[in-house]
Amino acid sequence: MAAAVGAPVRAGDLNRALAAERPDPGRGLDHAAHRRTWLGTDLPDGTVVVTDGPRLVRGGRLLAFSFDGWRDPERVTAE
């Protein structure tokens, strides 16, 4: 994906780039064991993780999803 820094990225381009990084392509939890993992403290802003529900990493905090916006910030930890 050759996009200028700060330029918008199309969803299809992003999906292809992410699929290329997966060592065992596929869908769902059947393939989860083959996917790359990171410690919580290494996740970049914009990453979405699932703990007790979807959470967004932003500024060293995890924000819980709601239809009213991201809320309930908690500190990112390595656990």
PDB file of N, CA and C in Angstrom:
ATOM      1  N   MET A   1       0.860  -1.160   0.000  1.00  0.00           N
ATOM      2  CA  MET A   1       0.000   0.000   0.000  1.00  0.00           C
ATOM      3  C   MET A   1       0.904   1.220   0.000  1.00  0.00           C
ATOM      4  N   ALA A   2       0.891   1.962  -1.056  1.00  0.00           N
ATOM      5  CA  ALA A   2       1.740   3.137  -1.179  1.00  0.00           C
ATOM      6  C   ALA A   2       0.888   4.389  -1.079  1.00  0.00           C
ATOM      7  N   ALA A   3       0.661   4.846   0.143  1.00  0.00           N
ATOM      8  CA  ALA A   3      -0.117   6.063   0.356  1.00  0.00           C
ATOM      9  C   ALA A   3       0.783   7.087   1.032  1.00  0.00           C
ATOM     10  N   ALA A   4       0.548   8.337   0.719  1.00  0.00           N
ATOM     11  CA  ALA A   4       1.319   9.415   1.355  1.00  0.00           C
ATOM     12  C   ALA A   4       0.984   9.463   2.839  1.00  0.00           C
ATOM     13  N   VAL A   5       1.954   9.873   3.634  1.00  0.00           N
ATOM     14  CA  VAL A   5       1.728  10.004   5.068  1.00  0.00           C
ATOM     15  C   VAL A   5       0.588  10.992   5.292  1.00  0.00           C
ATOM     16  N   GLY A   6      -0.387  10.586   6.080  1.00  0.00           N
ATOM     17  CA  GLY A   6      -1.523  11.447   6.376  1.00  0.00           C
ATOM     18  C   GLY A   6      -2.638  11.373   5.348  1.00  0.00           C
ATOM     19  N   ALA A   7      -2.397  10.686   4.224  1.00  0.00           N
ATOM     20  CA  ALA A   7      -3.434  10.552   3.196  1.00  0.00           C
ATOM     21  C   ALA A   7      -4.454   9.513   3.647  1.00  0.00           C
ATOM     22  N   PRO A   8      -5.717   9.695   3.271  1.00  0.00           N
ATOM     23  CA  PRO A   8      -6.728   8.695   3.624  1.00  0.00           C
ATOM     24  C   PRO A   8      -6.399   7.338   2.989  1.00  0.00           C
ATOM     25  N   VAL A   9      -6.730   6.281   3.696  1.00  0.00           N
ATOM     26  CA  VAL A   9      -6.508   4.922   3.198  1.00  0.00           C
ATOM     27  C   VAL A   9      -7.873   4.305   2.930  1.00  0.00           C
ATOM     28  N   ARG A  10      -8.025   3.728   1.759  1.00  0.00           N
ATOM     29  CA  ARG A  10      -9.292   3.090   1.411  1.00  0.00           C
ATOM     30  C   ARG A  10      -9.426   1.777   2.164  1.00  0.00           C
ATOM     31  N   ALA A  11     -10.655   1.433   2.555  1.00  0.00           N
ATOM     32  CA  ALA A  11     -10.900   0.223   3.340  1.00  0.00           C
ATOM     33  C   ALA A  11     -10.384  -1.025   2.631  1.00  0.00           C
ATOM     34  N   GLY A  12     -10.610  -1.131   1.325  1.00  0.00           N
ATOM     35  CA  GLY A  12     -10.141  -2.305   0.590  1.00  0.00           C
ATOM     36  C   GLY A  12      -8.633  -2.441   0.620  1.00  0.00           C
ATOM     37  N   ASP A  13      -7.924  -1.307   0.506  1.00  0.00           N
ATOM     38  CA  ASP A  13      -6.459  -1.327   0.567  1.00  0.00           C
ATOM     39  C   ASP A  13      -5.981  -1.772   1.945  1.00  0.00           C
ATOM     40  N   LEU A  14      -6.636  -1.269   2.990  1.00  0.00           N
ATOM     41  CA  LEU A  14      -6.275  -1.640   4.351  1.00  0.00           C
ATOM     42  C   LEU A  14      -6.541  -3.124   4.595  1.00  0.00           C
ATOM     43  N   ASN A  15      -7.685  -3.622   4.142  1.00  0.00           N
ATOM     44  CA  ASN A  15      -7.999  -5.039   4.309  1.00  0.00           C
ATOM     45  C   ASN A  15      -6.968  -5.928   3.617  1.00  0.00           C
ATOM     46  N   ARG A  16      -6.550  -5.563   2.410  1.00  0.00           N
ATOM     47  CA  ARG A  16      -5.541  -6.349   1.693  1.00  0.00           C
ATOM     48  C   ARG A  16      -4.208  -6.329   2.434  1.00  0.00           C
ATOM     49  N   ALA A  17      -3.816  -5.175   2.965  1.00  0.00           N
ATOM     50  CA  ALA A  17      -2.551  -5.073   3.698  1.00  0.00           C
ATOM     51  C   ALA A  17      -2.587  -5.924   4.968  1.00  0.00           C
ATOM     52  N   LEU A  18      -3.700  -5.880   5.691  1.00  0.00           N
ATOM     53  CA  LEU A  18      -3.820  -6.680   6.913  1.00  0.00           C
ATOM     54  C   LEU A  18      -3.842  -8.168   6.585  1.00  0.00           C
ATOM     55  N   ALA A  19      -4.544  -8.558   5.535  1.00  0.00           N
ATOM     56  CA  ALA A  19      -4.606  -9.970   5.145  1.00  0.00           C
ATOM     57  C   ALA A  19      -3.223 -10.499   4.780  1.00  0.00           C
ATOM     58  N   ALA A  20      -2.409  -9.657   4.141  1.00  0.00           N
ATOM     59  CA  ALA A  20      -1.064 -10.074   3.749  1.00  0.00           C
ATOM     60  C   ALA A  20      -0.168 -10.307   4.964  1.00  0.00           C
ATOM     61  N   GLU A  21      -0.458  -9.662   6.085  1.00  0.00           N
ATOM     62  CA  GLU A  21       0.347  -9.821   7.291  1.00  0.00           C
ATOM     63  C   GLU A  21      -0.019 -11.064   8.081  1.00  0.00           C
ATOM     64  N   ARG A  22      -1.158 -11.672   7.794  1.00  0.00           N
ATOM     65  CA  ARG A  22      -1.592 -12.848   8.551  1.00  0.00           C
ATOM     66  C   ARG A  22      -0.852 -14.080   8.057  1.00  0.00           C
ATOM     67  N   PRO A  23      -0.185 -14.796   8.971  1.00  0.00           N
ATOM     68  CA  PRO A  23       0.545 -15.989   8.556  1.00  0.00           C
ATOM     69  C   PRO A  23      -0.389 -17.109   8.089  1.00  0.00           C
ATOM     70  N   ASP A  24      -1.592 -17.195   8.612  1.00  0.00           N
ATOM     71  CA  ASP A  24      -2.553 -18.222   8.218  1.00  0.00           C
ATOM     72  C   ASP A  24      -3.873 -17.526   7.911  1.00  0.00           C
ATOM     73  N   PRO A  25      -4.092 -17.153   6.651  1.00  0.00           N
ATOM     74  CA  PRO A  25      -5.317 -16.420   6.320  1.00  0.00           C
ATOM     75  C   PRO A  25      -6.568 -17.206   6.678  1.00  0.00           C
ATOM     76  N   GLY A  26      -7.585 -16.504   7.022  1.00  0.00           N
ATOM     77  CA  GLY A  26      -8.859 -17.131   7.349  1.00  0.00           C
ATOM     78  C   GLY A  26      -9.680 -16.217   8.215  1.00  0.00           C
ATOM     79  N   ARG A  27     -10.802 -16.727   8.616  1.00  0.00           N
ATOM     80  CA  ARG A  27     -11.709 -15.912   9.426  1.00  0.00           C
ATOM     81  C   ARG A  27     -11.970 -16.573  10.767  1.00  0.00           C
ATOM     82  N   GLY A  28     -12.346 -15.751  11.715  1.00  0.00           N
ATOM     83  CA  GLY A  28     -12.839 -16.259  12.992  1.00  0.00           C
ATOM     84  C   GLY A  28     -11.770 -16.771  13.927  1.00  0.00           C
ATOM     85  N   LEU A  29     -12.248 -17.320  15.028  1.00  0.00           N
ATOM     86  CA  LEU A  29     -11.351 -17.772  16.086  1.00  0.00           C
ATOM     87  C   LEU A  29     -10.573 -19.025  15.714  1.00  0.00           C
ATOM     88  N   ASP A  30     -11.011 -19.757  14.681  1.00  0.00           N
ATOM     89  CA  ASP A  30     -10.279 -20.948  14.252  1.00  0.00           C
ATOM     90  C   ASP A  30      -8.851 -20.598  13.863  1.00  0.00           C
ATOM     91  N   HIS A  31      -8.617 -19.396  13.400  1.00  0.00           N
ATOM     92  CA  HIS A  31      -7.290 -18.993  12.939  1.00  0.00           C
ATOM     93  C   HIS A  31      -6.587 -18.068  13.933  1.00  0.00           C
ATOM     94  N   ALA A  32      -7.213 -17.799  15.065  1.00  0.00           N
ATOM     95  CA  ALA A  32      -6.654 -16.840  16.019  1.00  0.00           C
ATOM     96  C   ALA A  32      -5.293 -17.275  16.557  1.00  0.00           C
ATOM     97  N   ALA A  33      -5.075 -18.572  16.710  1.00  0.00           N
ATOM     98  CA  ALA A  33      -3.810 -19.050  17.270  1.00  0.00           C
ATOM     99  C   ALA A  33      -2.622 -18.749  16.363  1.00  0.00           C
ATOM    100  N   HIS A  34      -2.872 -18.520  15.088  1.00  0.00           N
ATOM    101  CA  HIS A  34      -1.796 -18.279  14.133  1.00  0.00           C
ATOM    102  C   HIS A  34      -1.518 -16.791  13.921  1.00  0.00           C
ATOM    103  N   ARG A  35      -2.277 -15.949  14.545  1.00  0.00           N
ATOM    104  CA  ARG A  35      -2.121 -14.503  14.317  1.00  0.00           C
ATOM    105  C   ARG A  35      -1.095 -13.909  15.251  1.00  0.00           C
ATOM    106  N   ARG A  36      -0.497 -12.850  14.789  1.00  0.00           N
ATOM    107  CA  ARG A  36       0.501 -12.119  15.561  1.00  0.00           C
ATOM    108  C   ARG A  36      -0.171 -11.488  16.780  1.00  0.00           C
ATOM    109  N   THR A  37       0.530 -11.474  17.897  1.00  0.00           N
ATOM    110  CA  THR A  37      -0.003 -10.831  19.107  1.00  0.00           C
ATOM    111  C   THR A  37       1.006  -9.807  19.621  1.00  0.00           C
ATOM    112  N   TRP A  38       0.523  -8.871  20.396  1.00  0.00           N
ATOM    113  CA  TRP A  38       1.348  -7.811  20.976  1.00  0.00           C
ATOM    114  C   TRP A  38       0.998  -7.667  22.444  1.00  0.00           C
ATOM    115  N   LEU A  39       1.944  -7.143  23.207  1.00  0.00           N
ATOM    116  CA  LEU A  39       1.637  -6.753  24.580  1.00  0.00           C
ATOM    117  C   LEU A  39       0.785  -5.499  24.538  1.00  0.00           C
ATOM    118  N   GLY A  40      -0.078  -5.340  25.519  1.00  0.00           N
ATOM    119  CA  GLY A  40      -0.963  -4.180  25.549  1.00  0.00           C
ATOM    120  C   GLY A  40      -0.235  -2.856  25.495  1.00  0.00           C
ATOM    121  N   THR A  41       0.941  -2.787  26.078  1.00  0.00           N
ATOM    122  CA  THR A  41       1.673  -1.519  26.110  1.00  0.00           C
ATOM    123  C   THR A  41       2.314  -1.181  24.776  1.00  0.00           C
ATOM    124  N   ASP A  42       2.332  -2.131  23.819  1.00  0.00           N
ATOM    125  CA  ASP A  42       2.941  -1.902  22.506  1.00  0.00           C
ATOM    126  C   ASP A  42       1.929  -1.522  21.434  1.00  0.00           C
ATOM    127  N   LEU A  43       0.658  -1.453  21.765  1.00  0.00           N
ATOM    128  CA  LEU A  43      -0.374  -1.205  20.762  1.00  0.00           C
ATOM    129  C   LEU A  43      -0.436   0.271  20.381  1.00  0.00           C
ATOM    130  N   PRO A  44      -0.470   0.561  19.089  1.00  0.00           N
ATOM    131  CA  PRO A  44      -0.547   1.959  18.653  1.00  0.00           C
ATOM    132  C   PRO A  44      -1.951   2.515  18.803  1.00  0.00           C
ATOM    133  N   ASP A  45      -2.059   3.830  18.879  1.00  0.00           N
ATOM    134  CA  ASP A  45      -3.365   4.487  18.903  1.00  0.00           C
ATOM    135  C   ASP A  45      -4.167   4.050  17.679  1.00  0.00           C
ATOM    136  N   GLY A  46      -5.456   3.848  17.879  1.00  0.00           N
ATOM    137  CA  GLY A  46      -6.334   3.443  16.790  1.00  0.00           C
ATOM    138  C   GLY A  46      -6.591   1.946  16.757  1.00  0.00           C
ATOM    139  N   THR A  47      -5.839   1.181  17.560  1.00  0.00           N
ATOM    140  CA  THR A  47      -6.053  -0.262  17.626  1.00  0.00           C
ATOM    141  C   THR A  47      -7.336  -0.539  18.400  1.00  0.00           C
ATOM    142  N   VAL A  48      -8.129  -1.487  17.921  1.00  0.00           N
ATOM    143  CA  VAL A  48      -9.326  -1.914  18.650  1.00  0.00           C
ATOM    144  C   VAL A  48      -9.052  -3.309  19.189  1.00  0.00           C
ATOM    145  N   VAL A  49      -9.288  -3.492  20.484  1.00  0.00           N
ATOM    146  CA  VAL A  49      -9.112  -4.783  21.135  1.00  0.00           C
ATOM    147  C   VAL A  49     -10.441  -5.203  21.742  1.00  0.00           C
ATOM    148  N   VAL A  50     -10.580  -6.491  22.015  1.00  0.00           N
ATOM    149  CA  VAL A  50     -11.793  -6.982  22.659  1.00  0.00           C
ATOM    150  C   VAL A  50     -11.400  -7.543  24.013  1.00  0.00           C
ATOM    151  N   THR A  51     -11.931  -6.961  25.059  1.00  0.00           N
ATOM    152  CA  THR A  51     -11.728  -7.468  26.422  1.00  0.00           C
ATOM    153  C   THR A  51     -13.113  -7.834  26.941  1.00  0.00           C
ATOM    154  N   ASP A  52     -13.733  -6.940  27.667  1.00  0.00           N
ATOM    155  CA  ASP A  52     -15.119  -7.132  28.111  1.00  0.00           C
ATOM    156  C   ASP A  52     -16.074  -6.520  27.088  1.00  0.00           C
ATOM    157  N   GLY A  53     -15.566  -6.253  25.918  1.00  0.00           N
ATOM    158  CA  GLY A  53     -16.268  -5.622  24.804  1.00  0.00           C
ATOM    159  C   GLY A  53     -15.223  -4.886  23.991  1.00  0.00           C
ATOM    160  N   PRO A  54     -15.600  -4.276  22.865  1.00  0.00           N
ATOM    161  CA  PRO A  54     -14.601  -3.574  22.062  1.00  0.00           C
ATOM    162  C   PRO A  54     -14.067  -2.336  22.780  1.00  0.00           C
ATOM    163  N   ARG A  55     -12.752  -2.162  22.707  1.00  0.00           N
ATOM    164  CA  ARG A  55     -12.105  -0.983  23.298  1.00  0.00           C
ATOM    165  C   ARG A  55     -11.097  -0.426  22.306  1.00  0.00           C
ATOM    166  N   LEU A  56     -10.997   0.892  22.277  1.00  0.00           N
ATOM    167  CA  LEU A  56     -10.095   1.614  21.388  1.00  0.00           C
ATOM    168  C   LEU A  56      -8.881   2.066  22.174  1.00  0.00           C
ATOM    169  N   VAL A  57      -7.669   1.840  21.622  1.00  0.00           N
ATOM    170  CA  VAL A  57      -6.433   2.325  22.253  1.00  0.00           C
ATOM    171  C   VAL A  57      -6.219   3.758  21.797  1.00  0.00           C
ATOM    172  N   ARG A  58      -6.065   4.653  22.765  1.00  0.00           N
ATOM    173  CA  ARG A  58      -5.800   6.056  22.437  1.00  0.00           C
ATOM    174  C   ARG A  58      -5.080   6.720  23.602  1.00  0.00           C
ATOM    175  N   GLY A  59      -3.889   7.220  23.319  1.00  0.00           N
ATOM    176  CA  GLY A  59      -3.129   7.950  24.332  1.00  0.00           C
ATOM    177  C   GLY A  59      -2.820   7.137  25.571  1.00  0.00           C
ATOM    178  N   GLY A  60      -2.498   5.838  25.402  1.00  0.00           N
ATOM    179  CA  GLY A  60      -2.165   5.003  26.555  1.00  0.00           C
ATOM    180  C   GLY A  60      -3.360   4.559  27.366  1.00  0.00           C
ATOM    181  N   ARG A  61      -4.560   4.756  26.835  1.00  0.00           N
ATOM    182  CA  ARG A  61      -5.788   4.356  27.528  1.00  0.00           C
ATOM    183  C   ARG A  61      -6.650   3.503  26.615  1.00  0.00           C
ATOM    184  N   LEU A  62      -7.496   2.688  27.234  1.00  0.00           N
ATOM    185  CA  LEU A  62      -8.501   1.915  26.511  1.00  0.00           C
ATOM    186  C   LEU A  62      -9.848   2.588  26.728  1.00  0.00           C
ATOM    187  N   LEU A  63     -10.554   2.874  25.633  1.00  0.00           N
ATOM    188  CA  LEU A  63     -11.867   3.508  25.713  1.00  0.00           C
ATOM    189  C   LEU A  63     -12.915   2.494  25.303  1.00  0.00           C
ATOM    190  N   ALA A  64     -13.952   2.321  26.123  1.00  0.00           N
ATOM    191  CA  ALA A  64     -15.020   1.366  25.837  1.00  0.00           C
ATOM    192  C   ALA A  64     -15.948   1.918  24.767  1.00  0.00           C
ATOM    193  N   PHE A  65     -16.447   1.027  23.902  1.00  0.00           N
ATOM    194  CA  PHE A  65     -17.363   1.425  22.838  1.00  0.00           C
ATOM    195  C   PHE A  65     -18.778   1.582  23.384  1.00  0.00           C
ATOM    196  N   SER A  66     -19.456   2.613  22.901  1.00  0.00           N
ATOM    197  CA  SER A  66     -20.903   2.746  23.071  1.00  0.00           C
ATOM    198  C   SER A  66     -21.411   3.473  21.834  1.00  0.00           C
ATOM    199  N   PHE A  67     -22.693   3.377  21.573  1.00  0.00           N
ATOM    200  CA  PHE A  67     -23.242   4.063  20.406  1.00  0.00           C
ATOM    201  C   PHE A  67     -23.262   5.575  20.603  1.00  0.00           C
ATOM    202  N   ASP A  68     -22.974   6.038  21.810  1.00  0.00           N
ATOM    203  CA  ASP A  68     -22.864   7.464  22.099  1.00  0.00           C
ATOM    204  C   ASP A  68     -21.425   7.951  22.019  1.00  0.00           C
ATOM    205  N   GLY A  69     -20.491   7.046  21.730  1.00  0.00           N
ATOM    206  CA  GLY A  69     -19.082   7.416  21.631  1.00  0.00           C
ATOM    207  C   GLY A  69     -18.215   6.531  22.512  1.00  0.00           C
ATOM    208  N   TRP A  70     -16.907   6.719  22.417  1.00  0.00           N
ATOM    209  CA  TRP A  70     -15.958   5.959  23.231  1.00  0.00           C
ATOM    210  C   TRP A  70     -15.937   6.559  24.622  1.00  0.00           C
ATOM    211  N   ARG A  71     -15.942   5.731  25.672  1.00  0.00           N
ATOM    212  CA  ARG A  71     -16.074   6.221  27.049  1.00  0.00           C
ATOM    213  C   ARG A  71     -15.290   5.345  28.022  1.00  0.00           C
ATOM    214  N   ASP A  72     -15.389   5.673  29.291  1.00  0.00           N
ATOM    215  CA  ASP A  72     -14.791   4.901  30.389  1.00  0.00           C
ATOM    216  C   ASP A  72     -13.312   4.570  30.164  1.00  0.00           C
ATOM    217  N   PRO A  73     -12.452   5.588  30.068  1.00  0.00           N
ATOM    218  CA  PRO A  73     -11.033   5.299  29.822  1.00  0.00           C
ATOM    219  C   PRO A  73     -10.390   4.541  30.980  1.00  0.00           C
ATOM    220  N   GLU A  74      -9.540   3.597  30.613  1.00  0.00           N
ATOM    221  CA  GLU A  74      -8.723   2.910  31.624  1.00  0.00           C
ATOM    222  C   GLU A  74      -7.320   2.759  31.057  1.00  0.00           C
ATOM    223  N   ARG A  75      -6.338   2.741  31.907  1.00  0.00           N
ATOM    224  CA  ARG A  75      -4.933   2.689  31.508  1.00  0.00           C
ATOM    225  C   ARG A  75      -4.618   1.376  30.807  1.00  0.00           C
ATOM    226  N   VAL A  76      -3.839   1.416  29.729  1.00  0.00           N
ATOM    227  CA  VAL A  76      -3.386   0.213  29.025  1.00  0.00           C
ATOM    228  C   VAL A  76      -2.345  -0.470  29.889  1.00  0.00           C
ATOM    229  N   THR A  77      -2.475  -1.795  30.055  1.00  0.00           N
ATOM    230  CA  THR A  77      -1.484  -2.581  30.802  1.00  0.00           C
ATOM    231  C   THR A  77      -1.015  -3.731  29.921  1.00  0.00           C
ATOM    232  N   ALA A  78       0.046  -4.388  30.331  1.00  0.00           N
ATOM    233  CA  ALA A  78       0.614  -5.494  29.560  1.00  0.00           C
ATOM    234  C   ALA A  78      -0.192  -6.776  29.723  1.00  0.00           C
ATOM    235  N   GLU A  79      -1.152  -6.825  30.613  1.00  0.00           N
ATOM    236  CA  GLU A  79      -1.926  -8.052  30.853  1.00  0.00           C
ATOM    237  C   GLU A  79      -3.035  -8.209  29.863  1.00  0.00           C
TER     238      GLU A  79
END
